[in-house]
């Protein structure tokens, strides 16, 4: 008997039963019906095992009291309880089996308790780490806000500095514009002074010429023969060879240097390389034509001026040529540039982008006009031949360009004119020959009414009065 009671005491069966009942109470709302019934069946099994051990202890205790030991107690307490319908379920459960099951249940409960406590400790640790991380995040957020405030402050200060710098830049630009205007005004005044000086020199020469003519006329009036100096070469005749060499070299420079520079400049606005070469060639031809017309006009004026007062051993034509050579700076090259640009604007073979004008070629046209004008004062004169697209290639006048078809007999377009002296070629020009060139050539500068008036150069719209257009049957 004492062994059975000791097992009950050491097994803590009632404590385990109470713990399971408490656990069922806590988890009952969340468990399913089958899970709750399984728990209750487990509790019933444990209870039956404990009852079996208690009945064993009661049997042993009653046997110790003799045959009728404990009969009264059993009758008064056990039999009424059994009569209420209680049935034991521990018939097939031995004491050893029930004790092992109870111990196993206790071990499981202990492990669950340990796991629960370990889980609670880990949760506490995680909550501590979370609170620490939250604190660090708040500190980082505060630092970020302070950095943003400092950045905004720096941006505002920088904006103020930039505004001040922009105001200074605007003031400096206005000062620079004023300085440039002042320089342009001074330059215009200086050019005006130079024009005045040239006019003064020209007037002095004319006055000296008139005085000499006056002396000759006075001597004739009083019938006094004046000793005539022997005929001597004029200034034009003395300098003819020098001017000839310089103008030929300058013509070569126009081809080798100025033409290439102008091609590079035009490539910024025109993509077609053939069109660029056509534009430059027509500009040269027009410049020679306009310069020759200007030379003829100036020669007529000079002849009209000198004819009433001319006398001497030389002819009037020699005196006129000498006067022109001495006064080459009187050539109105600006008007010639305007006439060239006006003629190019109505030429149907060339075109320019709408955002640009032929006035872009003014520096190049100016130099060509100066050379062409000076060539007319030579004896014999230098000139360029008539050139038409589709003409037969002349090996004596032109050389083919690198991109030509060297077996083609016709000229597709010209790159540079030849230089002629007394119908003989002095310097060869350059052209492009290709098969399929036009067999019915057109003149390279026939005016066309199809050109829009908006394409006219600004120079043609200037208030300065220009000369009337020359006849169409002009040569290059």
Protein backbone atom coordinates (compact mmCIF):
# COMPACT_ATOMS: atom_id res chain seq x y z
CA UNK A 1 0.00 0.00 0.00
CA UNK A 2 2.72 2.41 0.88
CA UNK A 3 4.36 1.80 -2.52
CA UNK A 4 1.17 2.76 -4.39
CA UNK A 5 0.71 5.93 -2.32
CA UNK A 6 4.37 6.84 -2.88
CA UNK A 7 3.93 6.49 -6.66
CA UNK A 8 0.87 8.71 -6.57
CA UNK A 9 2.77 11.30 -4.57
CA UNK A 10 5.91 11.19 -6.72
CA UNK A 11 4.06 11.12 -10.08
CA UNK A 12 2.28 14.46 -9.54
CA UNK A 13 -0.65 13.09 -11.46
CA UNK A 14 -3.15 15.54 -10.06
CA UNK A 15 -0.89 18.51 -10.78
CA UNK A 16 -0.54 17.37 -14.40
CA UNK A 17 -4.30 16.85 -14.60
CA UNK A 18 -4.92 20.37 -13.31
CA UNK A 19 -2.43 21.86 -15.74
CA UNK A 20 -4.12 20.12 -18.66
CA UNK A 21 -7.51 21.34 -17.52
CA UNK A 22 -6.19 24.92 -17.29
CA UNK A 23 -4.58 24.63 -20.74
CA UNK A 24 -7.85 23.32 -22.19
CA UNK A 25 -9.66 26.24 -20.63
CA UNK A 26 -7.31 28.75 -22.25
CA UNK A 27 -7.26 27.17 -25.70
CA UNK A 28 -10.84 25.97 -25.85
CA UNK A 29 -12.23 28.99 -27.84
CA UNK A 30 -9.53 28.70 -30.52
CA UNK A 31 -9.48 24.89 -30.90
CA UNK A 32 -11.71 22.90 -33.20
CA UNK A 33 -14.42 20.56 -31.92
CA UNK A 34 -12.37 17.42 -32.59
CA UNK A 35 -9.35 18.92 -30.83
CA UNK A 36 -11.40 19.79 -27.73
CA UNK A 37 -12.97 16.33 -27.63
CA UNK A 38 -9.54 14.75 -27.93
CA UNK A 39 -8.35 16.83 -24.96
CA UNK A 40 -11.34 15.79 -22.90
CA UNK A 41 -10.78 12.12 -23.78
CA UNK A 42 -7.18 12.49 -22.70
CA UNK A 43 -8.30 13.99 -19.38
CA UNK A 44 -10.77 11.13 -18.96
CA UNK A 45 -8.04 8.56 -19.59
CA UNK A 46 -5.73 10.21 -17.05
CA UNK A 47 -8.58 10.39 -14.52
CA UNK A 48 -9.38 6.69 -15.04
CA UNK A 49 -5.72 5.81 -14.51
CA UNK A 50 -5.66 7.77 -11.27
CA UNK A 51 -8.93 6.14 -10.17
CA UNK A 52 -7.49 2.70 -10.94
CA UNK A 53 -4.52 3.44 -8.71
CA UNK A 54 -6.85 4.76 -5.98
CA UNK A 55 -9.04 1.66 -6.14
CA UNK A 56 -5.89 -0.47 -5.88
CA UNK A 57 -4.83 1.53 -2.80
CA UNK A 58 -8.35 1.21 -1.31
CA UNK A 59 -8.29 -2.59 -1.84
CA UNK A 60 -4.90 -2.90 -0.15
CA UNK A 61 -5.97 -0.67 2.72
CA UNK A 62 -9.20 -2.65 3.25
CA UNK A 63 -7.27 -5.96 3.27
CA UNK A 64 -5.06 -4.63 6.01
CA UNK A 65 -8.15 -4.13 8.28
CA UNK A 66 -9.23 -7.74 8.09
CA UNK A 67 -12.23 -9.42 6.52
CA UNK A 68 -14.63 -6.62 7.33
CA UNK A 69 -12.16 -3.78 7.61
CA UNK A 70 -13.49 -0.44 6.22
CA UNK A 71 -16.91 -1.96 5.30
CA UNK A 72 -18.85 0.87 6.89
CA UNK A 73 -16.81 3.53 5.19
CA UNK A 74 -17.20 1.87 1.82
CA UNK A 75 -20.92 1.50 2.30
CA UNK A 76 -21.48 5.06 3.38
CA UNK A 77 -19.28 6.78 0.82
CA UNK A 78 -18.23 4.59 -2.10
CA UNK A 79 -21.40 2.65 -2.80
CA UNK A 80 -23.71 5.72 -3.08
CA UNK A 81 -21.26 7.33 -5.53
CA UNK A 82 -21.04 4.13 -7.59
CA UNK A 83 -24.83 3.85 -7.56
CA UNK A 84 -25.10 7.26 -9.25
CA UNK A 85 -24.04 5.66 -12.57
CA UNK A 86 -20.23 6.03 -12.52
CA UNK A 87 -18.41 3.46 -14.54
CA UNK A 88 -14.70 2.99 -14.41
CA UNK A 89 -12.78 2.82 -17.65
CA UNK A 90 -9.53 1.54 -16.38
CA UNK A 91 -10.15 -2.18 -16.76
CA UNK A 92 -7.50 -2.57 -19.40
CA UNK A 93 -5.03 -0.03 -17.94
CA UNK A 94 -2.36 -1.27 -15.64
CA UNK A 95 -0.64 0.77 -13.02
CA UNK A 96 2.63 0.72 -14.83
CA UNK A 97 1.11 1.88 -18.11
CA UNK A 98 -0.86 4.70 -16.50
CA UNK A 99 2.19 5.89 -14.63
CA UNK A 100 4.31 5.95 -17.82
CA UNK A 101 1.65 7.88 -19.65
CA UNK A 102 1.37 10.38 -16.84
CA UNK A 103 5.11 10.86 -16.74
CA UNK A 104 5.23 11.25 -20.51
CA UNK A 105 2.48 13.85 -20.34
CA UNK A 106 4.34 15.69 -17.61
CA UNK A 107 7.51 15.70 -19.73
CA UNK A 108 5.61 17.06 -22.71
CA UNK A 109 4.09 19.77 -20.53
CA UNK A 110 7.52 20.66 -19.20
CA UNK A 111 8.97 20.90 -22.69
CA UNK A 112 6.04 23.04 -23.81
CA UNK A 113 6.56 25.28 -20.81
CA UNK A 114 10.29 25.56 -21.55
CA UNK A 115 9.58 26.39 -25.19
CA UNK A 116 7.02 28.95 -24.15
CA UNK A 117 9.40 30.62 -21.72
CA UNK A 118 12.16 30.55 -24.37
CA UNK A 119 9.74 32.08 -26.87
CA UNK A 120 8.80 34.79 -24.39
CA UNK A 121 12.48 35.55 -23.77
CA UNK A 122 13.15 35.80 -27.51
CA UNK A 123 10.12 38.06 -27.93
CA UNK A 124 11.38 40.31 -25.14
CA UNK A 125 14.82 40.39 -26.78
CA UNK A 126 13.32 41.24 -30.16
CA UNK A 127 11.16 43.96 -28.64
CA UNK A 128 14.27 45.41 -26.98
CA UNK A 129 16.18 45.37 -30.26
CA UNK A 130 13.17 46.87 -32.05
CA UNK A 131 12.96 49.71 -29.56
CA UNK A 132 16.70 50.31 -29.92
CA UNK A 133 16.45 50.34 -33.73
CA UNK A 134 13.45 52.67 -33.51
CA UNK A 135 15.49 55.04 -31.38
CA UNK A 136 18.37 54.96 -33.86
CA UNK A 137 15.93 55.57 -36.72
CA UNK A 138 14.47 58.58 -34.92
CA UNK A 139 18.00 59.93 -34.36
CA UNK A 140 18.84 59.43 -38.05
CA UNK A 141 15.59 61.13 -39.05
CA UNK A 142 16.46 64.10 -36.84
CA UNK A 143 19.92 64.32 -38.42
CA UNK A 144 18.36 64.14 -41.89
CA UNK A 145 15.94 66.94 -41.04
CA UNK A 146 18.78 69.10 -39.74
CA UNK A 147 20.84 68.38 -42.88
CA UNK A 148 17.85 69.28 -45.06
CA UNK A 149 17.43 72.54 -43.18
CA UNK A 150 21.13 73.33 -43.65
CA UNK A 151 20.86 72.45 -47.36
CA UNK A 152 17.86 74.75 -47.80
CA UNK A 153 19.74 77.51 -46.04
CA UNK A 154 22.79 76.99 -48.25
CA UNK A 155 20.57 76.92 -51.35
CA UNK A 156 18.95 80.22 -50.37
CA UNK A 157 22.36 81.79 -49.78
CA UNK A 158 23.65 80.41 -53.09
CA UNK A 159 20.56 81.73 -54.86
CA UNK A 160 21.24 85.18 -53.52
CA UNK A 161 24.87 84.95 -54.65
CA UNK A 162 23.80 83.76 -58.12
CA UNK A 163 21.32 86.63 -58.42
CA UNK A 164 24.07 89.06 -57.53
CA UNK A 165 26.39 87.41 -60.07
CA UNK A 166 23.72 87.57 -62.77
CA UNK A 167 23.18 91.26 -62.09
CA UNK A 168 26.92 91.84 -62.38
CA UNK A 169 27.00 89.86 -65.65
CA UNK A 170 24.12 91.94 -67.02
CA UNK A 171 25.92 95.15 -66.06
CA UNK A 172 29.16 93.92 -67.63
CA UNK A 173 27.34 92.96 -70.82
CA UNK A 174 25.71 96.36 -71.03
CA UNK A 175 29.12 98.00 -70.49
CA UNK A 176 30.60 95.76 -73.20
CA UNK A 177 27.81 96.66 -75.60
CA UNK A 178 28.31 100.35 -74.93
CA UNK A 179 32.06 99.94 -75.43
CA UNK A 180 31.53 98.16 -78.73
CA UNK A 181 29.13 100.85 -79.90
CA UNK A 182 31.67 103.48 -78.98
CA UNK A 183 34.43 101.60 -80.82
CA UNK A 184 32.19 101.27 -83.89
CA UNK A 185 31.43 104.98 -83.75
CA UNK A 186 35.11 105.85 -83.47
CA UNK A 187 35.91 103.45 -86.32
CA UNK A 188 33.26 105.06 -88.50
CA UNK A 189 34.70 108.46 -87.70
CA UNK A 190 38.17 107.17 -88.51
CA UNK A 191 36.96 105.77 -91.85
CA UNK A 192 35.30 109.09 -92.54
CA UNK A 193 38.55 110.87 -91.82
CA UNK A 194 40.36 108.50 -94.18
CA UNK A 195 37.78 109.21 -96.88
CA UNK A 196 38.26 112.92 -96.35
CA UNK A 197 42.02 112.52 -96.65
CA UNK A 198 41.69 110.56 -99.89
CA UNK A 199 39.33 113.16 -101.27
CA UNK A 200 41.76 115.90 -100.28
CA UNK A 201 44.62 114.11 -102.05
CA UNK A 202 42.51 113.59 -105.14
CA UNK A 203 41.46 117.23 -105.16
CA UNK A 204 45.07 118.30 -104.78
CA UNK A 205 46.06 116.17 -107.75
CA UNK A 206 43.23 117.62 -109.79
CA UNK A 207 44.19 121.14 -108.75
CA UNK A 208 47.80 120.58 -109.75
CA UNK A 209 46.63 119.11 -113.05
CA UNK A 210 44.32 122.06 -113.66
CA UNK A 211 47.09 124.50 -112.82
CA UNK A 212 49.40 122.87 -115.32
CA UNK A 213 46.68 122.94 -117.97
CA UNK A 214 45.99 126.55 -117.10
CA UNK A 215 49.64 127.46 -117.61
CA UNK A 216 49.62 125.72 -120.99
CA UNK A 217 46.49 127.55 -122.09
CA UNK A 218 47.83 130.90 -120.95
CA UNK A 219 51.05 130.34 -122.85
CA UNK A 220 49.06 129.50 -125.96
CA UNK A 221 46.94 132.62 -125.60
CA UNK A 222 49.90 134.97 -125.58
CA UNK A 223 51.51 133.09 -128.49
CA UNK A 224 54.50 132.13 -126.53
CA UNK A 225 55.76 128.75 -127.39
CA UNK A 226 56.33 126.65 -124.35
CA UNK A 227 59.21 124.25 -124.27
CA UNK A 228 57.65 120.80 -124.35
CA UNK A 229 59.40 118.09 -122.42
CA UNK A 230 60.38 115.03 -124.38
CA UNK A 231 57.81 112.22 -124.37
CA UNK A 232 58.36 109.99 -121.34
CA UNK A 233 56.58 106.84 -120.12
CA UNK A 234 53.55 107.42 -117.93
CA UNK A 235 53.11 106.07 -114.43
CA UNK A 236 50.76 103.39 -115.75
CA UNK A 237 53.32 102.23 -118.30
CA UNK A 238 56.15 102.17 -115.76
CA UNK A 239 54.22 100.09 -113.25
CA UNK A 240 52.36 97.83 -115.72
CA UNK A 241 54.64 94.80 -115.40
CA UNK A 242 54.78 95.05 -111.60
CA UNK A 243 51.01 95.35 -111.33
CA UNK A 244 50.63 92.48 -113.77
CA UNK A 245 52.77 90.14 -111.64
CA UNK A 246 51.03 91.14 -108.41
CA UNK A 247 47.55 90.68 -109.84
CA UNK A 248 48.38 87.25 -111.28
CA UNK A 249 49.76 86.17 -107.90
CA UNK A 250 46.71 87.60 -106.17
CA UNK A 251 44.43 85.66 -108.57
CA UNK A 252 46.26 82.46 -107.63
CA UNK A 253 45.82 83.30 -103.91
CA UNK A 254 42.11 83.82 -104.44
CA UNK A 255 41.91 80.29 -105.86
CA UNK A 256 44.24 78.56 -103.40
CA UNK A 257 43.35 80.35 -100.14
CA UNK A 258 40.26 82.57 -100.25
CA UNK A 259 38.18 80.06 -102.23
CA UNK A 260 38.89 77.23 -99.79
CA UNK A 261 38.15 79.44 -96.78
CA UNK A 262 34.83 80.44 -98.32
CA UNK A 263 34.00 76.78 -99.04
CA UNK A 264 34.56 75.92 -95.38
CA UNK A 265 32.37 78.83 -94.37
CA UNK A 266 29.54 77.87 -96.71
CA UNK A 267 29.57 74.23 -95.57
CA UNK A 268 28.03 75.38 -92.28
CA UNK A 269 24.86 76.34 -94.16
CA UNK A 270 24.84 74.28 -97.40
CA UNK A 271 25.22 70.50 -97.42
CA UNK A 272 25.61 70.09 -101.21
CA UNK A 273 29.30 70.45 -102.15
CA UNK A 274 28.43 70.94 -105.82
CA UNK A 275 26.12 73.83 -104.97
CA UNK A 276 28.91 75.45 -102.91
CA UNK A 277 31.31 75.30 -105.87
CA UNK A 278 28.65 76.70 -108.21
CA UNK A 279 27.97 79.59 -105.81
CA UNK A 280 31.65 80.53 -105.61
CA UNK A 281 32.19 80.26 -109.38
CA UNK A 282 29.15 82.42 -110.17
CA UNK A 283 30.27 84.94 -107.55
CA UNK A 284 33.66 85.23 -109.30
CA UNK A 285 32.06 85.59 -112.75
CA UNK A 286 29.61 88.23 -111.54
CA UNK A 287 32.40 90.08 -109.73
CA UNK A 288 34.49 90.28 -112.93
CA UNK A 289 31.49 91.46 -114.93
CA UNK A 290 30.47 94.14 -112.42
CA UNK A 291 34.08 95.30 -111.98
CA UNK A 292 34.50 95.67 -115.77
CA UNK A 293 31.29 97.69 -115.97
CA UNK A 294 32.45 99.90 -113.10
CA UNK A 295 35.84 100.39 -114.79
CA UNK A 296 34.20 101.41 -118.07
CA UNK A 297 31.93 103.85 -116.26
CA UNK A 298 34.84 105.39 -114.36
CA UNK A 299 36.92 105.59 -117.56
CA UNK A 300 34.15 107.51 -119.30
CA UNK A 301 33.95 109.95 -116.41
CA UNK A 302 37.73 110.39 -116.38
CA UNK A 303 37.81 110.97 -120.15
CA UNK A 304 35.04 113.53 -119.82
CA UNK A 305 36.99 115.26 -117.06
CA UNK A 306 40.36 115.33 -118.82
CA UNK A 307 39.33 115.96 -122.42
CA UNK A 308 38.78 119.74 -122.04
CA UNK A 309 42.13 120.29 -120.38
CA UNK A 310 44.34 117.66 -121.94
CA UNK A 311 47.38 118.74 -123.91
CA UNK A 312 50.79 117.30 -124.17
CA UNK A 313 52.91 114.80 -125.90
CA UNK A 314 50.84 111.79 -124.75
CA UNK A 315 47.42 110.80 -126.05
CA UNK A 316 44.21 111.37 -124.16
CA UNK A 317 43.76 107.61 -123.61
CA UNK A 318 47.20 107.37 -122.04
CA UNK A 319 46.37 110.27 -119.73
CA UNK A 320 43.04 108.66 -118.78
CA UNK A 321 44.74 105.31 -118.06
CA UNK A 322 47.41 107.01 -116.01
CA UNK A 323 44.75 108.92 -114.05
CA UNK A 324 42.86 105.68 -113.31
CA UNK A 325 46.02 103.85 -112.20
CA UNK A 326 46.89 106.70 -109.86
CA UNK A 327 43.38 106.72 -108.39
CA UNK A 328 42.49 103.04 -108.06
CA UNK A 329 41.30 103.75 -104.52
CA UNK A 330 38.39 105.78 -105.95
CA UNK A 331 36.76 102.53 -107.05
CA UNK A 332 33.39 102.19 -105.31
CA UNK A 333 33.79 98.52 -104.38
CA UNK A 334 30.82 98.53 -102.00
CA UNK A 335 28.41 99.33 -104.81
CA UNK A 336 29.95 96.57 -106.92
CA UNK A 337 29.45 94.07 -104.06
CA UNK A 338 25.79 95.06 -103.88
CA UNK A 339 25.39 94.60 -107.64
CA UNK A 340 27.02 91.16 -107.50
CA UNK A 341 24.77 89.99 -104.66
CA UNK A 342 21.71 91.35 -106.48
CA UNK A 343 22.66 89.41 -109.63
CA UNK A 344 23.25 86.22 -107.62
CA UNK A 345 19.84 86.49 -105.97
CA UNK A 346 18.09 86.18 -109.35
CA UNK A 347 20.34 83.44 -110.74
CA UNK A 348 18.32 80.21 -111.17
CA UNK A 349 21.31 77.87 -110.89
CA UNK A 350 22.17 78.60 -107.27
CA UNK A 351 20.18 78.67 -104.09
CA UNK A 352 20.79 79.37 -100.43
CA UNK A 353 19.00 78.25 -97.23
CA UNK A 354 16.19 80.63 -96.17
CA UNK A 355 17.99 81.56 -92.96
CA UNK A 356 21.09 82.80 -94.87
CA UNK A 357 21.81 85.30 -97.63
CA UNK A 358 24.49 85.77 -100.26
CA UNK A 359 25.76 88.72 -98.27
CA UNK A 360 27.74 86.05 -96.42
CA UNK A 361 30.14 86.10 -99.41
CA UNK A 362 30.74 89.87 -99.22
CA UNK A 363 34.42 89.69 -98.09
CA UNK A 364 35.27 87.25 -100.86
CA UNK A 365 33.35 89.24 -103.50
CA UNK A 366 35.09 92.45 -102.40
CA UNK A 367 38.54 90.97 -102.97
CA UNK A 368 37.60 89.53 -106.38
CA UNK A 369 36.12 92.86 -107.48
CA UNK A 370 39.28 94.71 -106.50
CA UNK A 371 41.46 92.29 -108.45
CA UNK A 372 39.16 92.34 -111.50
CA UNK A 373 39.00 96.16 -111.50
CA UNK A 374 42.77 96.48 -111.30
CA UNK A 375 43.20 93.94 -114.12
CA UNK A 376 41.24 96.24 -116.43
CA UNK A 377 43.90 98.93 -115.98
CA UNK A 378 46.65 96.67 -117.34
CA UNK A 379 47.91 96.77 -120.89
CA UNK A 380 46.84 94.30 -122.18
CA UNK A 381 43.94 93.64 -119.82
CA UNK A 382 43.36 90.37 -118.01
CA UNK A 383 39.93 88.76 -118.14
CA UNK A 384 38.06 85.47 -117.68
CA UNK A 385 36.37 83.63 -120.58
CA UNK A 386 32.69 82.96 -121.07
CA UNK A 387 31.71 79.69 -119.34
CA UNK A 388 28.58 77.61 -119.88
CA UNK A 389 27.45 74.30 -118.41
CA UNK A 390 27.50 71.43 -120.89
CA UNK A 391 30.18 72.94 -123.11
CA UNK A 392 32.93 70.85 -124.63
CA UNK A 393 35.87 70.35 -122.30
CA UNK A 394 38.89 72.45 -123.40
CA UNK A 395 42.19 71.06 -122.20
CA UNK A 396 43.86 74.39 -122.91
CA UNK A 397 41.53 76.35 -120.62
CA UNK A 398 40.63 73.99 -117.80
CA UNK A 399 41.90 71.06 -115.85
CA UNK A 400 39.57 68.42 -114.45
CA UNK A 401 38.88 68.26 -110.71
CA UNK A 402 39.67 65.14 -108.71
CA UNK A 403 36.01 63.99 -108.67
CA UNK A 404 35.53 64.25 -112.44
CA UNK A 405 34.93 61.47 -114.92
CA UNK A 406 38.13 61.84 -116.92
CA UNK A 407 36.69 60.21 -120.05
CA UNK A 408 33.63 62.51 -120.15
CA UNK A 409 33.85 65.13 -122.93
CA UNK A 410 31.36 67.67 -121.54
CA UNK A 411 31.62 70.06 -118.61
CA UNK A 412 29.03 69.46 -115.89
CA UNK A 413 29.88 72.66 -113.98
CA UNK A 414 32.86 74.98 -113.43
CA UNK A 415 34.84 75.34 -110.21
CA UNK A 416 37.18 78.24 -111.09
CA UNK A 417 37.51 80.36 -114.26
CA UNK A 418 40.59 80.56 -116.43
CA UNK A 419 42.60 83.79 -116.73
CA UNK A 420 43.04 85.12 -120.28
CA UNK A 421 45.42 87.67 -121.78
CA UNK A 422 44.93 88.69 -125.42
CA UNK A 423 42.84 85.56 -126.14
CA UNK A 424 45.57 83.31 -124.75
CA UNK A 425 45.28 81.30 -121.54
CA UNK A 426 47.52 82.63 -118.79
CA UNK A 427 46.24 80.44 -115.93
CA UNK A 428 44.07 77.37 -116.36
CA UNK A 429 40.77 77.11 -114.58
CA UNK A 430 39.10 74.06 -113.03
CA UNK A 431 35.93 72.22 -113.99
CA UNK A 432 34.06 68.96 -113.35
CA UNK A 433 33.32 66.66 -116.28
CA UNK A 434 30.66 63.99 -116.11
CA UNK A 435 28.77 61.87 -118.56
CA UNK A 436 25.23 62.97 -119.22
CA UNK A 437 25.99 66.70 -118.87
CA UNK A 438 23.54 69.08 -120.56
CA UNK A 439 24.16 69.28 -124.30
CA UNK A 440 22.12 72.50 -124.62
CA UNK A 441 23.97 74.79 -122.27
CA UNK A 442 22.41 77.75 -120.53
CA UNK A 443 24.26 80.88 -119.64
CA UNK A 444 25.47 80.74 -116.09
CA UNK A 445 23.81 83.97 -115.08
CA UNK A 446 20.50 84.43 -116.87
CA UNK A 447 18.01 86.22 -114.60
CA UNK A 448 14.87 84.32 -113.63
CA UNK A 449 11.57 85.77 -112.36
CA UNK A 450 10.88 82.59 -110.38
CA UNK A 451 13.06 83.65 -107.47
CA UNK A 452 11.02 84.86 -104.51
CA UNK A 453 11.46 88.46 -103.53
CA UNK A 454 12.12 87.32 -99.98
CA UNK A 455 15.41 85.81 -101.17
CA UNK A 456 16.82 89.20 -102.09
CA UNK A 457 19.82 90.34 -100.19
CA UNK A 458 19.56 93.00 -97.55
CA UNK A 459 21.85 95.11 -99.65
CA UNK A 460 19.21 95.32 -102.40
CA UNK A 461 16.74 96.73 -99.85
CA UNK A 462 19.11 99.36 -98.49
CA UNK A 463 18.16 103.05 -98.98
CA UNK A 464 21.32 103.61 -101.00
CA UNK A 465 20.52 104.08 -104.67
CA UNK A 466 22.16 101.46 -106.87
CA UNK A 467 22.85 101.32 -110.55
CA UNK A 468 20.33 99.93 -112.97
CA UNK A 469 20.87 96.30 -114.00
CA UNK A 470 23.24 95.83 -116.87
CA UNK A 471 22.17 94.29 -120.20
CA UNK A 472 21.66 90.54 -120.29
CA UNK A 473 24.18 89.94 -123.05
CA UNK A 474 27.16 90.53 -120.82
CA UNK A 475 30.28 88.43 -120.77
CA UNK A 476 32.10 86.95 -117.81
